[in-house]
Amino acid sequence: MWVILSLLGIFIVGAGSVAYYIWNGLQPTAAGETKRIEIAKGMSAIKVSDLLEEQGIIRNSFIFKYYLKLNDQGARFQAGQYDLNPGMEHDAIIAKLNAGDTVQAETIHFTIPEGFTVLQIADKLAEQDLIDKAKFLDLAASQTAWGDAEAVRQIPDNAELHQRLEGYLFPETYEMKVGSTEEDIIKRMTSELDRKLGELSEDWTDELETKKLTLHELLTIASLIEREVVADEERALVAGVIYNRIAEGMPLQIDATVQYLLDKPKERLMEKDLQIESPYNTYKINGLPPGPIASPSIASIEAALNPEPSEYFYYVTKKDGTQTHLFAKTYQEHLRNIDKSNETAG
């Protein structure tokens, strides 16, 4: 009887100790200052439990793991940074991690205007102290794949390209985390181009094949439109002129391609400027330059895809302040339009 009573006493004490161990492990920790905890993407519930104990949010990770398993929890924890307080109930911690109630990261905002060049983009971001300009330009010139971005994979390996990523950094207003690197920013902008192209009509790639154009050539045409046209209603018409001249084997003679070669754009090009030897000078070459001369808007990309048919081969900017154009079928008509434009100069 004495042996039985002894064993029973040992069992009761042991069971009580285990029960106390479990009960104590499930109790909240002492209240304290808020801790910022980062749950990494793909982190298992086991590792999350260990992290919570290390940070003093829970008492016992071993008990917490089994509590999660018993309640079928832990599989839906979301990655991110969380503000958690010592003293929180376990169910409150679990609910917060399941809901993804993360700390909102501080963000930066910047806007890249349509028609900006890589150099202008670098200058603007540097002025806002968001990048190191030299590092940004070095990265933009590199053969980096830029993550999952697809359009940039179409850039040809051409030593004549003035800026490799010209035309591939989409002009948009961006919001990114504070501390984003030059590489992060370029990845975001090249990915945005993919997203915008995905919003085009479903058959846009078929249209490219019909026109026997590459994506790179499409973006090049779109960039010419972007730098030449202000009025939206004229984009498709100017696109048509570009296609007409290419079809006839005529030089495009687009001033914007010459401006692209200059350190600083001029209000008015001189005859000597038009004689600059460059594969981008469309006064000296036939067909398209090696690549885009700026970042085109989606409106210019759509115009390049869907040019307005016409018999026009020439256009000149009106000097009446409207920033619209006079179009002509023949060179003689074009000369008359130039005279008309000069007459309207204020």
Protein backbone atom coordinates (compact mmCIF):
# COMPACT_ATOMS: atom_id res chain seq x y z
CA MET A 1 0.00 0.00 0.00
CA TRP A 2 2.87 2.34 0.86
CA VAL A 3 4.43 1.73 -2.56
CA ILE A 4 1.12 2.39 -4.33
CA LEU A 5 0.56 5.60 -2.41
CA SER A 6 4.11 6.72 -3.17
CA LEU A 7 3.68 6.08 -6.88
CA LEU A 8 0.32 7.82 -6.86
CA GLY A 9 1.85 10.80 -5.11
CA ILE A 10 4.69 10.94 -7.62
CA PHE A 11 2.17 10.77 -10.50
CA ILE A 12 0.04 13.53 -9.00
CA VAL A 13 3.08 15.76 -8.41
CA GLY A 14 4.36 15.02 -11.93
CA ALA A 15 1.01 15.68 -13.55
CA GLY A 16 0.67 18.86 -11.57
CA SER A 17 4.13 19.98 -12.63
CA VAL A 18 3.34 19.32 -16.30
CA ALA A 19 0.01 21.11 -15.98
CA TYR A 20 1.70 24.07 -14.31
CA TYR A 21 4.42 24.09 -17.00
CA ILE A 22 1.78 24.20 -19.75
CA TRP A 23 -0.38 26.75 -17.90
CA ASN A 24 2.62 28.98 -17.21
CA GLY A 25 3.83 28.69 -20.81
CA LEU A 26 0.46 29.86 -22.07
CA GLN A 27 0.38 32.96 -19.86
CA PRO A 28 1.17 36.34 -21.37
CA THR A 29 4.59 37.78 -20.67
CA ALA A 30 4.96 40.81 -18.43
CA ALA A 31 3.79 44.00 -20.12
CA GLY A 32 6.57 46.00 -21.72
CA GLU A 33 7.56 48.29 -24.58
CA THR A 34 6.32 47.53 -28.08
CA LYS A 35 8.70 45.39 -30.12
CA ARG A 36 8.99 45.55 -33.91
CA ILE A 37 9.17 41.99 -35.23
CA GLU A 38 9.86 41.06 -38.86
CA ILE A 39 8.33 37.85 -40.21
CA ALA A 40 10.30 36.88 -43.28
CA LYS A 41 8.57 35.52 -46.37
CA GLY A 42 8.30 31.74 -46.15
CA MET A 43 9.10 31.62 -42.42
CA SER A 44 7.54 28.56 -40.79
CA ALA A 45 5.27 28.69 -37.74
CA ILE A 46 8.03 26.93 -35.77
CA LYS A 47 10.55 29.66 -36.59
CA VAL A 48 7.97 32.36 -35.88
CA SER A 49 7.40 30.80 -32.43
CA ASP A 50 11.12 30.81 -31.68
CA LEU A 51 11.40 34.44 -32.82
CA LEU A 52 8.49 35.51 -30.61
CA GLU A 53 10.11 33.90 -27.57
CA GLU A 54 13.50 35.47 -28.35
CA GLN A 55 11.83 38.89 -28.49
CA GLY A 56 9.95 38.36 -25.22
CA ILE A 57 6.48 38.36 -26.80
CA ILE A 58 5.63 34.84 -25.57
CA ARG A 59 6.98 32.82 -22.63
CA ASN A 60 7.55 29.44 -24.23
CA SER A 61 7.91 28.72 -27.94
CA PHE A 62 7.64 24.96 -27.37
CA ILE A 63 4.20 25.33 -25.77
CA PHE A 64 3.16 27.96 -28.36
CA LYS A 65 3.99 25.59 -31.21
CA TYR A 66 1.70 22.94 -29.81
CA TYR A 67 -0.98 25.54 -29.10
CA LEU A 68 -0.85 26.49 -32.79
CA LYS A 69 -1.06 22.86 -33.88
CA LEU A 70 -3.95 22.09 -31.52
CA ASN A 71 -5.91 25.09 -32.88
CA ASP A 72 -4.95 24.49 -36.53
CA GLN A 73 -3.12 27.82 -36.72
CA GLY A 74 0.20 29.06 -38.10
CA ALA A 75 -0.25 28.25 -41.79
CA ARG A 76 -1.74 31.67 -42.60
CA PHE A 77 0.86 33.89 -40.95
CA GLN A 78 1.77 36.72 -43.32
CA ALA A 79 5.22 38.17 -43.88
CA GLY A 80 6.01 41.71 -42.86
CA GLN A 81 6.91 43.91 -39.94
CA TYR A 82 4.65 43.84 -36.88
CA ASP A 83 4.45 45.93 -33.74
CA LEU A 84 3.78 43.43 -30.93
CA ASN A 85 3.54 44.10 -27.23
CA PRO A 86 4.81 41.86 -24.44
CA GLY A 87 1.73 40.90 -22.44
CA MET A 88 -0.46 40.18 -25.50
CA GLU A 89 -2.71 37.12 -25.32
CA HIS A 90 -1.71 34.30 -27.65
CA ASP A 91 -4.97 34.52 -29.60
CA ALA A 92 -4.42 38.24 -30.17
CA ILE A 93 -0.91 37.56 -31.52
CA ILE A 94 -2.22 34.83 -33.83
CA ALA A 95 -5.06 37.03 -35.10
CA LYS A 96 -2.64 39.86 -35.91
CA LEU A 97 -0.25 37.60 -37.81
CA ASN A 98 -3.13 35.96 -39.72
CA ALA A 99 -4.59 39.33 -40.69
CA GLY A 100 -1.26 40.68 -41.91
CA ASP A 101 -1.72 43.69 -39.65
CA THR A 102 1.76 44.92 -40.47
CA VAL A 103 3.44 48.23 -39.84
CA GLN A 104 2.95 50.52 -42.80
CA ALA A 105 6.37 51.19 -44.26
CA GLU A 106 7.48 54.78 -44.76
CA THR A 107 7.37 55.58 -48.44
CA ILE A 108 8.85 57.93 -50.99
CA HIS A 109 6.98 59.43 -53.94
CA PHE A 110 8.34 60.60 -57.26
CA THR A 111 6.86 61.47 -60.64
CA ILE A 112 8.59 60.86 -63.95
CA PRO A 113 7.01 63.05 -66.66
CA GLU A 114 6.19 61.59 -70.07
CA GLY A 115 8.94 62.13 -72.59
CA PHE A 116 11.79 62.24 -70.07
CA THR A 117 15.12 60.70 -71.08
CA VAL A 118 17.21 58.42 -68.88
CA LEU A 119 19.47 61.39 -68.09
CA GLN A 120 16.52 63.58 -67.14
CA ILE A 121 15.13 60.80 -64.94
CA ALA A 122 18.50 60.43 -63.21
CA ASP A 123 18.74 64.19 -62.67
CA LYS A 124 15.24 64.39 -61.20
CA LEU A 125 15.74 61.48 -58.81
CA ALA A 126 19.13 62.83 -57.75
CA GLU A 127 17.62 66.27 -57.07
CA GLN A 128 15.18 64.56 -54.70
CA ASP A 129 18.09 62.76 -53.01
CA LEU A 130 16.61 59.39 -53.95
CA ILE A 131 19.59 58.05 -55.88
CA ASP A 132 23.27 58.42 -56.55
CA LYS A 133 23.18 59.66 -60.15
CA ALA A 134 26.41 57.97 -61.25
CA LYS A 135 25.38 54.64 -59.78
CA PHE A 136 21.92 54.89 -61.37
CA LEU A 137 23.38 55.59 -64.82
CA ASP A 138 25.94 52.79 -64.47
CA LEU A 139 23.15 50.34 -63.64
CA ALA A 140 21.00 51.65 -66.51
CA ALA A 141 23.88 50.96 -68.90
CA SER A 142 24.52 47.45 -67.58
CA GLN A 143 23.28 44.15 -69.03
CA THR A 144 21.25 43.40 -65.88
CA ALA A 145 18.08 41.34 -66.42
CA TRP A 146 16.00 43.48 -63.98
CA GLY A 147 14.13 40.71 -62.21
CA ASP A 148 10.93 39.49 -63.83
CA ALA A 149 10.61 42.46 -66.21
CA GLU A 150 9.90 41.10 -69.71
CA ALA A 151 10.04 44.11 -72.06
CA VAL A 152 13.68 44.88 -71.23
CA ARG A 153 14.63 41.42 -72.46
CA GLN A 154 13.76 42.67 -75.96
CA ILE A 155 16.50 45.31 -75.96
CA PRO A 156 18.91 44.40 -78.77
CA ASP A 157 22.61 43.99 -78.12
CA ASN A 158 23.56 47.08 -80.09
CA ALA A 159 26.63 49.16 -79.34
CA GLU A 160 24.97 52.15 -81.05
CA LEU A 161 22.35 52.50 -78.30
CA HIS A 162 22.91 55.84 -76.60
CA GLN A 163 21.25 54.68 -73.35
CA ARG A 164 20.37 50.99 -73.00
CA LEU A 165 17.20 51.56 -70.95
CA GLU A 166 16.01 54.58 -72.93
CA GLY A 167 12.27 54.18 -73.45
CA TYR A 168 11.96 51.32 -70.95
CA LEU A 169 11.60 53.35 -67.72
CA PHE A 170 7.89 54.05 -67.77
CA PRO A 171 6.80 57.64 -66.95
CA GLU A 172 4.49 57.46 -63.95
CA THR A 173 3.99 58.55 -60.33
CA TYR A 174 5.59 55.99 -58.05
CA GLU A 175 5.36 55.14 -54.36
CA MET A 176 8.17 53.02 -52.94
CA LYS A 177 9.62 52.14 -49.55
CA VAL A 178 12.06 54.51 -47.93
CA GLY A 179 15.54 53.18 -48.54
CA SER A 180 14.77 51.79 -51.99
CA THR A 181 18.01 51.41 -53.91
CA GLU A 182 18.83 52.52 -57.43
CA GLU A 183 18.33 48.92 -58.51
CA ASP A 184 14.93 48.75 -56.77
CA ILE A 185 13.77 51.88 -58.59
CA ILE A 186 14.88 50.64 -62.01
CA LYS A 187 13.19 47.26 -61.40
CA ARG A 188 9.97 49.02 -60.43
CA MET A 189 9.98 51.27 -63.48
CA THR A 190 10.76 48.50 -65.96
CA SER A 191 8.07 46.33 -64.39
CA GLU A 192 5.59 49.19 -64.75
CA LEU A 193 6.21 49.18 -68.50
CA ASP A 194 5.27 45.49 -68.55
CA ARG A 195 2.09 46.28 -66.62
CA LYS A 196 1.10 49.08 -69.02
CA LEU A 197 1.76 46.94 -72.08
CA GLY A 198 -0.48 44.31 -70.49
CA GLU A 199 -3.34 46.83 -70.56
CA LEU A 200 -3.19 47.16 -74.34
CA SER A 201 -5.69 45.30 -76.54
CA GLU A 202 -5.26 41.52 -76.49
CA ASP A 203 -4.12 41.43 -80.12
CA TRP A 204 -1.41 44.06 -79.83
CA THR A 205 1.40 41.54 -80.33
CA ASP A 206 -0.39 40.31 -83.48
CA GLU A 207 -0.45 43.90 -84.69
CA LEU A 208 3.32 44.06 -84.16
CA GLU A 209 3.79 40.97 -86.32
CA THR A 210 1.52 42.42 -89.00
CA LYS A 211 3.63 45.58 -89.08
CA LYS A 212 6.82 43.47 -88.96
CA LEU A 213 8.00 45.45 -85.96
CA THR A 214 9.82 44.43 -82.81
CA LEU A 215 8.77 45.80 -79.44
CA HIS A 216 11.99 47.82 -79.42
CA GLU A 217 11.06 49.43 -82.75
CA LEU A 218 7.53 50.12 -81.50
CA LEU A 219 8.88 51.91 -78.42
CA THR A 220 11.28 53.83 -80.64
CA ILE A 221 8.41 55.10 -82.82
CA ALA A 222 6.35 55.86 -79.71
CA SER A 223 9.22 57.90 -78.27
CA LEU A 224 9.45 59.97 -81.48
CA ILE A 225 5.72 60.67 -81.24
CA GLU A 226 6.07 61.58 -77.56
CA ARG A 227 8.76 64.17 -78.21
CA GLU A 228 7.08 65.61 -81.32
CA VAL A 229 3.42 65.82 -80.27
CA VAL A 230 1.66 67.70 -77.50
CA ALA A 231 -1.97 67.45 -78.64
CA ASP A 232 -3.34 63.96 -78.02
CA GLU A 233 -5.58 64.09 -81.08
CA GLU A 234 -2.50 64.40 -83.32
CA ARG A 235 -0.49 61.44 -82.00
CA ALA A 236 -1.96 58.84 -84.36
CA LEU A 237 -1.75 61.24 -87.32
CA VAL A 238 1.95 61.93 -86.70
CA ALA A 239 2.47 58.18 -86.29
CA GLY A 240 0.95 57.77 -89.75
CA VAL A 241 3.40 60.29 -91.20
CA ILE A 242 6.31 58.35 -89.68
CA TYR A 243 5.08 55.08 -91.21
CA ASN A 244 4.49 56.79 -94.58
CA ARG A 245 8.04 58.12 -94.72
CA ILE A 246 9.54 54.78 -93.68
CA ALA A 247 7.51 53.00 -96.37
CA GLU A 248 8.82 55.43 -99.01
CA GLY A 249 12.42 55.16 -97.81
CA MET A 250 12.47 58.85 -96.84
CA PRO A 251 14.55 60.21 -93.95
CA LEU A 252 12.27 60.92 -91.01
CA GLN A 253 13.90 64.34 -90.43
CA ILE A 254 12.56 64.57 -86.89
CA ASP A 255 14.07 67.45 -84.93
CA ALA A 256 13.63 65.62 -81.62
CA THR A 257 16.23 63.04 -82.64
CA VAL A 258 18.79 65.82 -83.12
CA GLN A 259 17.83 67.45 -79.83
CA TYR A 260 18.46 64.08 -78.18
CA LEU A 261 22.11 64.29 -79.25
CA LEU A 262 22.72 67.70 -77.71
CA ASP A 263 23.95 68.27 -74.16
CA LYS A 264 21.15 70.79 -73.71
CA PRO A 265 18.08 71.03 -75.99
CA LYS A 266 17.89 74.19 -78.08
CA GLU A 267 14.84 76.33 -78.68
CA ARG A 268 15.74 76.36 -82.37
CA LEU A 269 18.07 73.98 -84.21
CA MET A 270 20.68 75.40 -86.54
CA GLU A 271 21.72 73.95 -89.89
CA LYS A 272 25.01 72.76 -88.38
CA ASP A 273 23.05 70.76 -85.79
CA LEU A 274 21.30 68.86 -88.55
CA GLN A 275 24.70 67.77 -89.89
CA ILE A 276 25.78 65.94 -86.73
CA GLU A 277 27.04 62.48 -87.63
CA SER A 278 25.07 60.04 -85.51
CA PRO A 279 22.86 56.97 -86.02
CA TYR A 280 20.22 58.94 -84.11
CA ASN A 281 20.23 61.89 -86.52
CA THR A 282 17.20 61.19 -88.70
CA TYR A 283 18.30 63.95 -91.08
CA LYS A 284 21.35 61.84 -91.92
CA ILE A 285 19.91 58.30 -91.85
CA ASN A 286 16.95 56.54 -93.36
CA GLY A 287 14.56 54.67 -91.11
CA LEU A 288 14.49 54.54 -87.33
CA PRO A 289 17.30 55.46 -84.93
CA PRO A 290 18.86 52.54 -82.96
CA GLY A 291 16.43 52.96 -80.08
CA PRO A 292 13.97 55.20 -78.25
CA ILE A 293 14.90 58.80 -77.51
CA ALA A 294 12.68 59.15 -74.41
CA SER A 295 10.13 57.38 -72.24
CA PRO A 296 6.86 57.27 -74.20
CA SER A 297 3.42 57.48 -72.62
CA ILE A 298 0.85 54.75 -73.14
CA ALA A 299 -1.00 57.18 -75.48
CA SER A 300 2.05 57.38 -77.75
CA ILE A 301 2.54 53.61 -77.64
CA GLU A 302 -1.09 53.13 -78.69
CA ALA A 303 -0.64 55.69 -81.49
CA ALA A 304 2.45 53.83 -82.71
CA LEU A 305 0.40 50.62 -82.75
CA ASN A 306 -2.58 52.21 -84.45
CA PRO A 307 -1.41 55.03 -86.76
CA GLU A 308 -4.04 57.10 -88.55
CA PRO A 309 -3.91 56.41 -92.31
CA SER A 310 -3.30 59.51 -94.41
CA GLU A 311 -1.39 60.72 -97.46
CA TYR A 312 0.68 63.12 -95.35
CA PHE A 313 4.48 63.06 -95.45
CA TYR A 314 5.22 66.38 -93.74
CA TYR A 315 4.16 68.42 -90.74
CA VAL A 316 5.27 71.68 -89.16
CA THR A 317 4.46 73.13 -85.76
CA LYS A 318 2.12 76.11 -85.75
CA LYS A 319 3.63 79.17 -84.12
CA ASP A 320 0.32 80.40 -82.76
CA GLY A 321 0.84 78.90 -79.31
CA THR A 322 -1.49 75.93 -79.81
CA GLN A 323 1.44 73.50 -80.23
CA THR A 324 -0.51 71.76 -82.98
CA HIS A 325 0.70 71.07 -86.52
CA LEU A 326 -0.02 71.78 -90.16
CA PHE A 327 0.17 68.62 -92.31
CA ALA A 328 1.10 68.33 -95.97
CA LYS A 329 1.15 65.69 -98.70
CA THR A 330 3.87 67.30 -100.83
CA TYR A 331 7.05 69.24 -100.14
CA GLN A 332 5.66 72.32 -101.92
CA GLU A 333 2.59 72.24 -99.70
CA HIS A 334 4.89 71.81 -96.71
CA LEU A 335 6.80 74.95 -97.66
CA ARG A 336 3.54 76.87 -97.86
CA ASN A 337 2.61 75.55 -94.39
CA ILE A 338 5.93 76.79 -93.04
CA ASP A 339 5.10 80.28 -94.36
CA LYS A 340 1.63 80.05 -92.78
CA SER A 341 3.15 79.01 -89.49
CA ASN A 342 5.61 81.93 -89.53
CA GLU A 343 2.73 84.33 -90.26
CA THR A 344 0.96 83.25 -87.07
CA ALA A 345 4.04 83.76 -84.86
CA GLY A 346 3.14 86.15 -82.06
